[in-house]
Amino acid sequence: MQDDRQLIGVLFVLLLAIGTPGFLLLLAFLRRRHPRRLAPGLVIGLTLAPLLLVAAGGSLWLFLHYTHQKFNPDYWDGHPMERYTMRQNLIQSRRLIGLSPVQVRQLLGESSLAGSSMPNKLLYPVGYPPSLTTLDRPEVLTIWFRNRKAVRVQ
């Protein structure tokens, strides 16, 4: 997901950096070539085109920066395909650090992933966050344990 954000940011900046001077050069060329025949509709269209491209790029950027929300056990349990919205809060708040596997299961429930009952880690599917590149498998919240205590959440 982080790669998508960086890609969209770069594309947005490139659109502004190349599109604006390109628009101004095209407009200057058309005014020089056809000073009297330059239709007002053409000027309006050429003015709105870069603005619409910037708005579309901005909308796409906002779509990829999906909403984050605080961890809510009821929402986590009731909306398994939207858990990705709470994943970042679980990681940053360090809420799971220091908990035993039993305490984590009480808070997050049983994992539905095969192989998630390894002694040193638990895996929880968090759904499919908005992405331009990967839609083939859900993202996973991974909790690592050492000495029966959670030490890392990713």
N, C-alpha and C. Protein backbone atom coordinates (compact mmCIF):
# COMPACT_ATOMS: atom_id res chain seq x y z
N MET A 1 0.81 -1.19 0.00
CA MET A 1 0.00 0.00 0.00
C MET A 1 0.85 1.25 0.00
N GLN A 2 1.95 1.18 0.76
CA GLN A 2 2.84 2.33 0.81
C GLN A 2 3.39 2.65 -0.58
N ASP A 3 3.69 1.61 -1.37
CA ASP A 3 4.21 1.82 -2.72
C ASP A 3 3.19 2.55 -3.59
N ASP A 4 1.91 2.21 -3.45
CA ASP A 4 0.86 2.89 -4.21
C ASP A 4 0.79 4.36 -3.84
N ARG A 5 0.91 4.68 -2.58
CA ARG A 5 0.86 6.08 -2.15
C ARG A 5 2.00 6.87 -2.75
N GLN A 6 3.18 6.31 -2.73
CA GLN A 6 4.33 7.00 -3.29
C GLN A 6 4.17 7.17 -4.80
N LEU A 7 3.69 6.14 -5.48
CA LEU A 7 3.48 6.21 -6.92
C LEU A 7 2.47 7.30 -7.27
N ILE A 8 1.35 7.34 -6.58
CA ILE A 8 0.33 8.34 -6.86
C ILE A 8 0.85 9.74 -6.55
N GLY A 9 1.61 9.89 -5.47
CA GLY A 9 2.19 11.19 -5.15
C GLY A 9 3.12 11.68 -6.24
N VAL A 10 3.97 10.79 -6.74
CA VAL A 10 4.90 11.15 -7.81
C VAL A 10 4.13 11.50 -9.08
N LEU A 11 3.12 10.71 -9.42
CA LEU A 11 2.32 10.99 -10.62
C LEU A 11 1.59 12.33 -10.50
N PHE A 12 1.10 12.64 -9.32
CA PHE A 12 0.39 13.89 -9.09
C PHE A 12 1.33 15.08 -9.29
N VAL A 13 2.53 14.99 -8.73
CA VAL A 13 3.52 16.07 -8.87
C VAL A 13 3.95 16.21 -10.32
N LEU A 14 4.17 15.08 -11.00
CA LEU A 14 4.54 15.14 -12.41
C LEU A 14 3.43 15.77 -13.26
N LEU A 15 2.20 15.45 -12.95
CA LEU A 15 1.08 16.04 -13.66
C LEU A 15 1.09 17.55 -13.52
N LEU A 16 1.30 18.03 -12.32
CA LEU A 16 1.36 19.48 -12.11
C LEU A 16 2.59 20.09 -12.78
N ALA A 17 3.74 19.44 -12.65
CA ALA A 17 4.98 20.00 -13.17
C ALA A 17 5.01 20.02 -14.69
N ILE A 18 4.42 19.02 -15.34
CA ILE A 18 4.45 18.96 -16.80
C ILE A 18 3.18 19.56 -17.40
N GLY A 19 2.06 19.32 -16.78
CA GLY A 19 0.79 19.77 -17.34
C GLY A 19 0.61 21.28 -17.35
N THR A 20 1.02 21.95 -16.29
CA THR A 20 0.83 23.40 -16.22
C THR A 20 1.66 24.14 -17.27
N PRO A 21 2.98 23.92 -17.33
CA PRO A 21 3.74 24.61 -18.38
C PRO A 21 3.29 24.19 -19.79
N GLY A 22 2.94 22.91 -19.96
CA GLY A 22 2.45 22.46 -21.26
C GLY A 22 1.18 23.18 -21.66
N PHE A 23 0.29 23.37 -20.73
CA PHE A 23 -0.95 24.09 -21.00
C PHE A 23 -0.66 25.54 -21.38
N LEU A 24 0.23 26.18 -20.64
CA LEU A 24 0.54 27.58 -20.92
C LEU A 24 1.22 27.74 -22.29
N LEU A 25 2.11 26.82 -22.63
CA LEU A 25 2.76 26.87 -23.95
C LEU A 25 1.74 26.65 -25.07
N LEU A 26 0.83 25.70 -24.91
CA LEU A 26 -0.19 25.45 -25.91
C LEU A 26 -1.10 26.66 -26.08
N LEU A 27 -1.48 27.27 -24.99
CA LEU A 27 -2.34 28.44 -25.05
C LEU A 27 -1.63 29.60 -25.74
N ALA A 28 -0.35 29.83 -25.42
CA ALA A 28 0.41 30.90 -26.07
C ALA A 28 0.56 30.63 -27.57
N PHE A 29 0.80 29.37 -27.93
CA PHE A 29 0.92 29.01 -29.34
C PHE A 29 -0.38 29.29 -30.09
N LEU A 30 -1.50 28.88 -29.51
CA LEU A 30 -2.79 29.08 -30.17
C LEU A 30 -3.14 30.55 -30.28
N ARG A 31 -2.80 31.34 -29.30
CA ARG A 31 -3.10 32.78 -29.36
C ARG A 31 -2.25 33.47 -30.43
N ARG A 32 -1.01 33.03 -30.58
CA ARG A 32 -0.13 33.61 -31.58
C ARG A 32 -0.55 33.20 -32.99
N ARG A 33 -0.94 31.96 -33.10
CA ARG A 33 -1.29 31.42 -34.42
C ARG A 33 -2.65 31.92 -34.90
N HIS A 34 -3.61 31.99 -34.00
CA HIS A 34 -4.98 32.41 -34.36
C HIS A 34 -5.47 33.43 -33.34
N PRO A 35 -4.93 34.65 -33.38
CA PRO A 35 -5.31 35.61 -32.33
C PRO A 35 -6.78 36.00 -32.34
N ARG A 36 -7.40 36.05 -33.49
CA ARG A 36 -8.80 36.48 -33.54
C ARG A 36 -9.77 35.30 -33.53
N ARG A 37 -9.33 34.16 -33.99
CA ARG A 37 -10.24 33.03 -34.13
C ARG A 37 -10.23 32.09 -32.92
N LEU A 38 -9.49 32.40 -31.91
CA LEU A 38 -9.42 31.53 -30.74
C LEU A 38 -10.76 31.60 -30.02
N ALA A 39 -11.50 30.56 -30.13
CA ALA A 39 -12.86 30.53 -29.59
C ALA A 39 -12.83 30.53 -28.07
N PRO A 40 -13.77 31.23 -27.46
CA PRO A 40 -13.84 31.22 -25.99
C PRO A 40 -14.03 29.81 -25.42
N GLY A 41 -14.76 28.95 -26.14
CA GLY A 41 -14.94 27.58 -25.68
C GLY A 41 -13.64 26.81 -25.61
N LEU A 42 -12.76 27.06 -26.58
CA LEU A 42 -11.46 26.40 -26.59
C LEU A 42 -10.61 26.85 -25.41
N VAL A 43 -10.64 28.15 -25.13
CA VAL A 43 -9.88 28.68 -24.00
C VAL A 43 -10.42 28.09 -22.69
N ILE A 44 -11.72 28.04 -22.57
CA ILE A 44 -12.32 27.47 -21.36
C ILE A 44 -11.99 25.99 -21.24
N GLY A 45 -12.06 25.27 -22.37
CA GLY A 45 -11.73 23.85 -22.36
C GLY A 45 -10.28 23.60 -21.98
N LEU A 46 -9.38 24.39 -22.56
CA LEU A 46 -7.96 24.24 -22.24
C LEU A 46 -7.66 24.64 -20.79
N THR A 47 -8.45 25.54 -20.26
CA THR A 47 -8.26 25.93 -18.87
C THR A 47 -8.77 24.85 -17.92
N LEU A 48 -9.90 24.27 -18.25
CA LEU A 48 -10.50 23.28 -17.37
C LEU A 48 -9.82 21.91 -17.44
N ALA A 49 -9.23 21.56 -18.57
CA ALA A 49 -8.61 20.24 -18.73
C ALA A 49 -7.55 19.96 -17.66
N PRO A 50 -6.57 20.86 -17.46
CA PRO A 50 -5.59 20.56 -16.39
C PRO A 50 -6.22 20.53 -15.01
N LEU A 51 -7.21 21.39 -14.79
CA LEU A 51 -7.88 21.39 -13.49
C LEU A 51 -8.60 20.07 -13.24
N LEU A 52 -9.25 19.53 -14.27
CA LEU A 52 -9.93 18.25 -14.13
C LEU A 52 -8.93 17.11 -13.92
N LEU A 53 -7.80 17.16 -14.60
CA LEU A 53 -6.77 16.14 -14.40
C LEU A 53 -6.23 16.19 -12.97
N VAL A 54 -5.99 17.40 -12.47
CA VAL A 54 -5.51 17.54 -11.10
C VAL A 54 -6.57 17.05 -10.11
N ALA A 55 -7.83 17.38 -10.37
CA ALA A 55 -8.91 16.92 -9.49
C ALA A 55 -9.02 15.40 -9.51
N ALA A 56 -8.90 14.79 -10.70
CA ALA A 56 -8.96 13.33 -10.79
C ALA A 56 -7.78 12.69 -10.06
N GLY A 57 -6.60 13.25 -10.26
CA GLY A 57 -5.42 12.73 -9.55
C GLY A 57 -5.56 12.88 -8.04
N GLY A 58 -6.08 14.02 -7.61
CA GLY A 58 -6.30 14.23 -6.18
C GLY A 58 -7.33 13.28 -5.61
N SER A 59 -8.37 13.02 -6.36
CA SER A 59 -9.40 12.07 -5.91
C SER A 59 -8.82 10.67 -5.78
N LEU A 60 -8.02 10.28 -6.74
CA LEU A 60 -7.39 8.97 -6.69
C LEU A 60 -6.45 8.89 -5.50
N TRP A 61 -5.71 9.94 -5.25
CA TRP A 61 -4.79 9.98 -4.11
C TRP A 61 -5.57 9.85 -2.80
N LEU A 62 -6.68 10.56 -2.67
CA LEU A 62 -7.50 10.47 -1.47
C LEU A 62 -8.11 9.08 -1.32
N PHE A 63 -8.52 8.47 -2.42
CA PHE A 63 -9.08 7.13 -2.38
C PHE A 63 -8.06 6.14 -1.84
N LEU A 64 -6.81 6.29 -2.26
CA LEU A 64 -5.77 5.36 -1.81
C LEU A 64 -5.34 5.63 -0.37
N HIS A 65 -5.59 6.81 0.12
CA HIS A 65 -5.31 7.10 1.53
C HIS A 65 -6.60 6.85 2.30
N TYR A 66 -6.95 5.59 2.36
CA TYR A 66 -8.20 5.18 2.97
C TYR A 66 -8.28 5.65 4.41
N THR A 67 -9.47 5.73 4.91
CA THR A 67 -9.68 6.22 6.26
C THR A 67 -9.12 5.25 7.29
N HIS A 68 -8.52 5.82 8.28
CA HIS A 68 -8.04 5.04 9.41
C HIS A 68 -8.99 5.32 10.56
N GLN A 69 -9.22 4.34 11.38
CA GLN A 69 -10.07 4.55 12.55
C GLN A 69 -9.46 3.83 13.74
N LYS A 70 -9.88 4.26 14.91
CA LYS A 70 -9.40 3.62 16.13
C LYS A 70 -9.95 2.20 16.22
N PHE A 71 -9.19 1.37 16.88
CA PHE A 71 -9.60 -0.02 17.03
C PHE A 71 -10.89 -0.10 17.83
N ASN A 72 -11.84 -0.86 17.30
CA ASN A 72 -13.12 -1.08 17.94
C ASN A 72 -13.40 -2.57 17.85
N PRO A 73 -13.40 -3.30 18.99
CA PRO A 73 -13.58 -4.75 18.94
C PRO A 73 -14.87 -5.19 18.25
N ASP A 74 -15.95 -4.44 18.42
CA ASP A 74 -17.22 -4.81 17.78
C ASP A 74 -17.13 -4.66 16.26
N TYR A 75 -16.53 -3.56 15.82
CA TYR A 75 -16.37 -3.34 14.38
C TYR A 75 -15.41 -4.37 13.79
N TRP A 76 -14.34 -4.67 14.53
CA TRP A 76 -13.36 -5.68 14.09
C TRP A 76 -14.06 -7.03 13.87
N ASP A 77 -14.91 -7.39 14.80
CA ASP A 77 -15.60 -8.68 14.72
C ASP A 77 -16.68 -8.68 13.63
N GLY A 78 -17.38 -7.58 13.48
CA GLY A 78 -18.51 -7.54 12.56
C GLY A 78 -18.17 -7.20 11.12
N HIS A 79 -16.98 -6.66 10.87
CA HIS A 79 -16.60 -6.24 9.52
C HIS A 79 -15.21 -6.76 9.17
N PRO A 80 -15.06 -8.05 8.99
CA PRO A 80 -13.72 -8.61 8.77
C PRO A 80 -13.03 -8.11 7.51
N MET A 81 -13.76 -7.71 6.50
CA MET A 81 -13.13 -7.23 5.27
C MET A 81 -12.74 -5.75 5.34
N GLU A 82 -13.08 -5.07 6.44
CA GLU A 82 -12.72 -3.66 6.61
C GLU A 82 -11.78 -3.46 7.79
N ARG A 83 -11.18 -4.52 8.27
CA ARG A 83 -10.25 -4.42 9.39
C ARG A 83 -9.02 -3.60 9.06
N TYR A 84 -8.70 -3.50 7.77
CA TYR A 84 -7.52 -2.73 7.37
C TYR A 84 -7.61 -1.28 7.84
N THR A 85 -8.83 -0.77 8.08
CA THR A 85 -8.96 0.60 8.55
C THR A 85 -8.50 0.77 9.99
N MET A 86 -8.43 -0.33 10.74
CA MET A 86 -8.01 -0.28 12.15
C MET A 86 -6.60 -0.82 12.35
N ARG A 87 -6.04 -1.41 11.32
CA ARG A 87 -4.73 -2.06 11.44
C ARG A 87 -3.65 -1.08 11.90
N GLN A 88 -3.61 0.09 11.28
CA GLN A 88 -2.57 1.06 11.63
C GLN A 88 -2.69 1.51 13.09
N ASN A 89 -3.91 1.67 13.57
CA ASN A 89 -4.12 2.07 14.96
C ASN A 89 -3.62 0.98 15.91
N LEU A 90 -3.88 -0.27 15.59
CA LEU A 90 -3.39 -1.37 16.43
C LEU A 90 -1.86 -1.39 16.48
N ILE A 91 -1.23 -1.11 15.35
CA ILE A 91 0.23 -1.12 15.31
C ILE A 91 0.80 0.08 16.06
N GLN A 92 0.30 1.28 15.78
CA GLN A 92 0.87 2.49 16.38
C GLN A 92 0.56 2.63 17.86
N SER A 93 -0.60 2.18 18.29
CA SER A 93 -0.96 2.33 19.70
C SER A 93 -0.23 1.34 20.60
N ARG A 94 0.36 0.31 19.99
CA ARG A 94 1.08 -0.74 20.73
C ARG A 94 0.16 -1.42 21.74
N ARG A 95 -1.11 -1.45 21.44
CA ARG A 95 -2.12 -2.03 22.33
C ARG A 95 -1.92 -3.52 22.58
N LEU A 96 -1.37 -4.21 21.60
CA LEU A 96 -1.22 -5.66 21.71
C LEU A 96 0.12 -6.07 22.33
N ILE A 97 1.06 -5.14 22.38
CA ILE A 97 2.39 -5.47 22.91
C ILE A 97 2.27 -5.84 24.39
N GLY A 98 2.87 -6.97 24.75
CA GLY A 98 2.85 -7.43 26.13
C GLY A 98 1.71 -8.38 26.46
N LEU A 99 0.75 -8.52 25.53
CA LEU A 99 -0.37 -9.44 25.77
C LEU A 99 0.05 -10.88 25.46
N SER A 100 -0.58 -11.81 26.13
CA SER A 100 -0.34 -13.22 25.84
C SER A 100 -1.18 -13.62 24.63
N PRO A 101 -0.88 -14.76 24.00
CA PRO A 101 -1.70 -15.22 22.88
C PRO A 101 -3.17 -15.38 23.25
N VAL A 102 -3.44 -15.82 24.46
CA VAL A 102 -4.83 -15.98 24.91
C VAL A 102 -5.52 -14.62 24.98
N GLN A 103 -4.82 -13.60 25.52
CA GLN A 103 -5.40 -12.27 25.61
C GLN A 103 -5.64 -11.66 24.22
N VAL A 104 -4.71 -11.91 23.31
CA VAL A 104 -4.89 -11.41 21.94
C VAL A 104 -6.10 -12.06 21.30
N ARG A 105 -6.27 -13.36 21.48
CA ARG A 105 -7.44 -14.06 20.92
C ARG A 105 -8.74 -13.56 21.54
N GLN A 106 -8.70 -13.21 22.83
CA GLN A 106 -9.90 -12.67 23.47
C GLN A 106 -10.27 -11.32 22.85
N LEU A 107 -9.25 -10.53 22.51
CA LEU A 107 -9.49 -9.20 21.96
C LEU A 107 -9.85 -9.25 20.48
N LEU A 108 -9.10 -10.04 19.70
CA LEU A 108 -9.28 -10.05 18.25
C LEU A 108 -10.08 -11.24 17.73
N GLY A 109 -10.29 -12.24 18.56
CA GLY A 109 -10.99 -13.45 18.12
C GLY A 109 -10.01 -14.45 17.53
N GLU A 110 -10.55 -15.57 17.10
CA GLU A 110 -9.72 -16.60 16.49
C GLU A 110 -9.39 -16.19 15.05
N SER A 111 -8.20 -16.48 14.63
CA SER A 111 -7.81 -16.18 13.27
C SER A 111 -8.40 -17.21 12.32
N SER A 112 -8.79 -16.78 11.16
CA SER A 112 -9.35 -17.69 10.16
C SER A 112 -8.32 -18.13 9.13
N LEU A 113 -7.06 -17.75 9.33
CA LEU A 113 -6.01 -18.13 8.38
C LEU A 113 -5.41 -19.47 8.73
N ALA A 114 -5.16 -20.26 7.72
CA ALA A 114 -4.49 -21.54 7.93
C ALA A 114 -3.06 -21.29 8.35
N GLY A 115 -2.58 -22.03 9.31
CA GLY A 115 -1.21 -21.85 9.79
C GLY A 115 -1.04 -20.70 10.76
N SER A 116 -2.15 -20.16 11.23
CA SER A 116 -2.04 -19.01 12.13
C SER A 116 -1.86 -19.42 13.59
N SER A 117 -1.86 -20.70 13.86
CA SER A 117 -1.71 -21.13 15.25
C SER A 117 -0.28 -21.57 15.54
N MET A 118 0.68 -20.93 14.90
CA MET A 118 2.08 -21.22 15.19
C MET A 118 2.39 -20.71 16.59
N PRO A 119 3.32 -21.34 17.30
CA PRO A 119 3.54 -20.95 18.68
C PRO A 119 4.11 -19.54 18.85
N ASN A 120 4.79 -19.02 17.83
CA ASN A 120 5.41 -17.72 18.02
C ASN A 120 4.74 -16.59 17.25
N LYS A 121 3.64 -16.85 16.55
CA LYS A 121 2.92 -15.75 15.89
C LYS A 121 1.48 -16.10 15.59
N LEU A 122 0.69 -15.04 15.49
CA LEU A 122 -0.72 -15.14 15.09
C LEU A 122 -0.91 -14.27 13.85
N LEU A 123 -1.75 -14.75 12.94
CA LEU A 123 -2.05 -14.03 11.71
C LEU A 123 -3.54 -13.74 11.62
N TYR A 124 -3.88 -12.49 11.31
CA TYR A 124 -5.29 -12.10 11.17
C TYR A 124 -5.48 -11.41 9.82
N PRO A 125 -6.39 -11.90 8.99
CA PRO A 125 -6.68 -11.20 7.73
C PRO A 125 -7.38 -9.87 8.04
N VAL A 126 -6.99 -8.82 7.31
CA VAL A 126 -7.59 -7.51 7.55
C VAL A 126 -8.37 -7.00 6.34
N GLY A 127 -8.51 -7.82 5.31
CA GLY A 127 -9.29 -7.40 4.16
C GLY A 127 -8.42 -6.88 3.03
N TYR A 128 -9.06 -6.25 2.07
CA TYR A 128 -8.40 -5.75 0.88
C TYR A 128 -8.41 -4.22 0.88
N PRO A 129 -7.34 -3.58 1.35
CA PRO A 129 -7.32 -2.12 1.31
C PRO A 129 -7.28 -1.62 -0.14
N PRO A 130 -7.76 -0.40 -0.38
CA PRO A 130 -7.72 0.13 -1.74
C PRO A 130 -6.29 0.12 -2.28
N SER A 131 -6.11 -0.40 -3.48
CA SER A 131 -4.78 -0.51 -4.06
C SER A 131 -4.89 -0.56 -5.57
N LEU A 132 -3.86 -0.05 -6.24
CA LEU A 132 -3.82 -0.12 -7.70
C LEU A 132 -3.12 -1.37 -8.18
N THR A 133 -2.38 -2.03 -7.31
CA THR A 133 -1.52 -3.12 -7.76
C THR A 133 -1.92 -4.49 -7.28
N THR A 134 -2.40 -4.64 -6.06
CA THR A 134 -2.65 -5.99 -5.54
C THR A 134 -4.10 -6.14 -5.10
N LEU A 135 -4.76 -7.10 -5.70
CA LEU A 135 -6.12 -7.44 -5.30
C LEU A 135 -6.28 -8.95 -5.13
N ASP A 136 -5.18 -9.68 -5.21
CA ASP A 136 -5.28 -11.12 -5.23
C ASP A 136 -5.34 -11.76 -3.86
N ARG A 137 -4.90 -11.10 -2.82
CA ARG A 137 -4.96 -11.69 -1.48
C ARG A 137 -5.11 -10.58 -0.44
N PRO A 138 -5.74 -10.90 0.66
CA PRO A 138 -5.94 -9.86 1.69
C PRO A 138 -4.63 -9.57 2.42
N GLU A 139 -4.56 -8.38 2.99
CA GLU A 139 -3.43 -8.06 3.84
C GLU A 139 -3.63 -8.76 5.17
N VAL A 140 -2.54 -8.89 5.92
CA VAL A 140 -2.56 -9.67 7.15
C VAL A 140 -1.93 -8.85 8.28
N LEU A 141 -2.53 -8.92 9.45
CA LEU A 141 -1.95 -8.39 10.67
C LEU A 141 -1.21 -9.54 11.34
N THR A 142 0.09 -9.36 11.55
CA THR A 142 0.92 -10.41 12.14
C THR A 142 1.38 -9.98 13.52
N ILE A 143 1.22 -10.86 14.48
CA ILE A 143 1.63 -10.59 15.87
C ILE A 143 2.66 -11.64 16.25
N TRP A 144 3.87 -11.20 16.60
CA TRP A 144 4.94 -12.10 17.01
C TRP A 144 5.02 -12.16 18.53
N PHE A 145 5.33 -13.35 19.05
CA PHE A 145 5.43 -13.58 20.49
C PHE A 145 6.82 -14.09 20.85
N ARG A 146 7.28 -13.66 22.01
CA ARG A 146 8.50 -14.19 22.61
C ARG A 146 8.21 -14.37 24.10
N ASN A 147 8.48 -15.56 24.61
CA ASN A 147 8.19 -15.87 26.01
C ASN A 147 6.71 -15.65 26.33
N ARG A 148 5.85 -16.04 25.38
CA ARG A 148 4.39 -15.97 25.55
C ARG A 148 3.87 -14.54 25.73
N LYS A 149 4.61 -13.55 25.23
CA LYS A 149 4.16 -12.15 25.24
C LYS A 149 4.34 -11.56 23.84
N ALA A 150 3.39 -10.75 23.41
CA ALA A 150 3.49 -10.10 22.10
C ALA A 150 4.62 -9.09 22.13
N VAL A 151 5.53 -9.19 21.16
CA VAL A 151 6.67 -8.29 21.11
C VAL A 151 6.68 -7.43 19.86
N ARG A 152 5.94 -7.83 18.84
CA ARG A 152 5.95 -7.07 17.58
C ARG A 152 4.62 -7.28 16.86
N VAL A 153 4.10 -6.19 16.30
CA VAL A 153 2.86 -6.24 15.53
C VAL A 153 3.14 -5.55 14.20
N GLN A 154 2.80 -6.26 13.11
CA GLN A 154 3.05 -5.69 11.78
C GLN A 154 1.88 -5.96 10.88
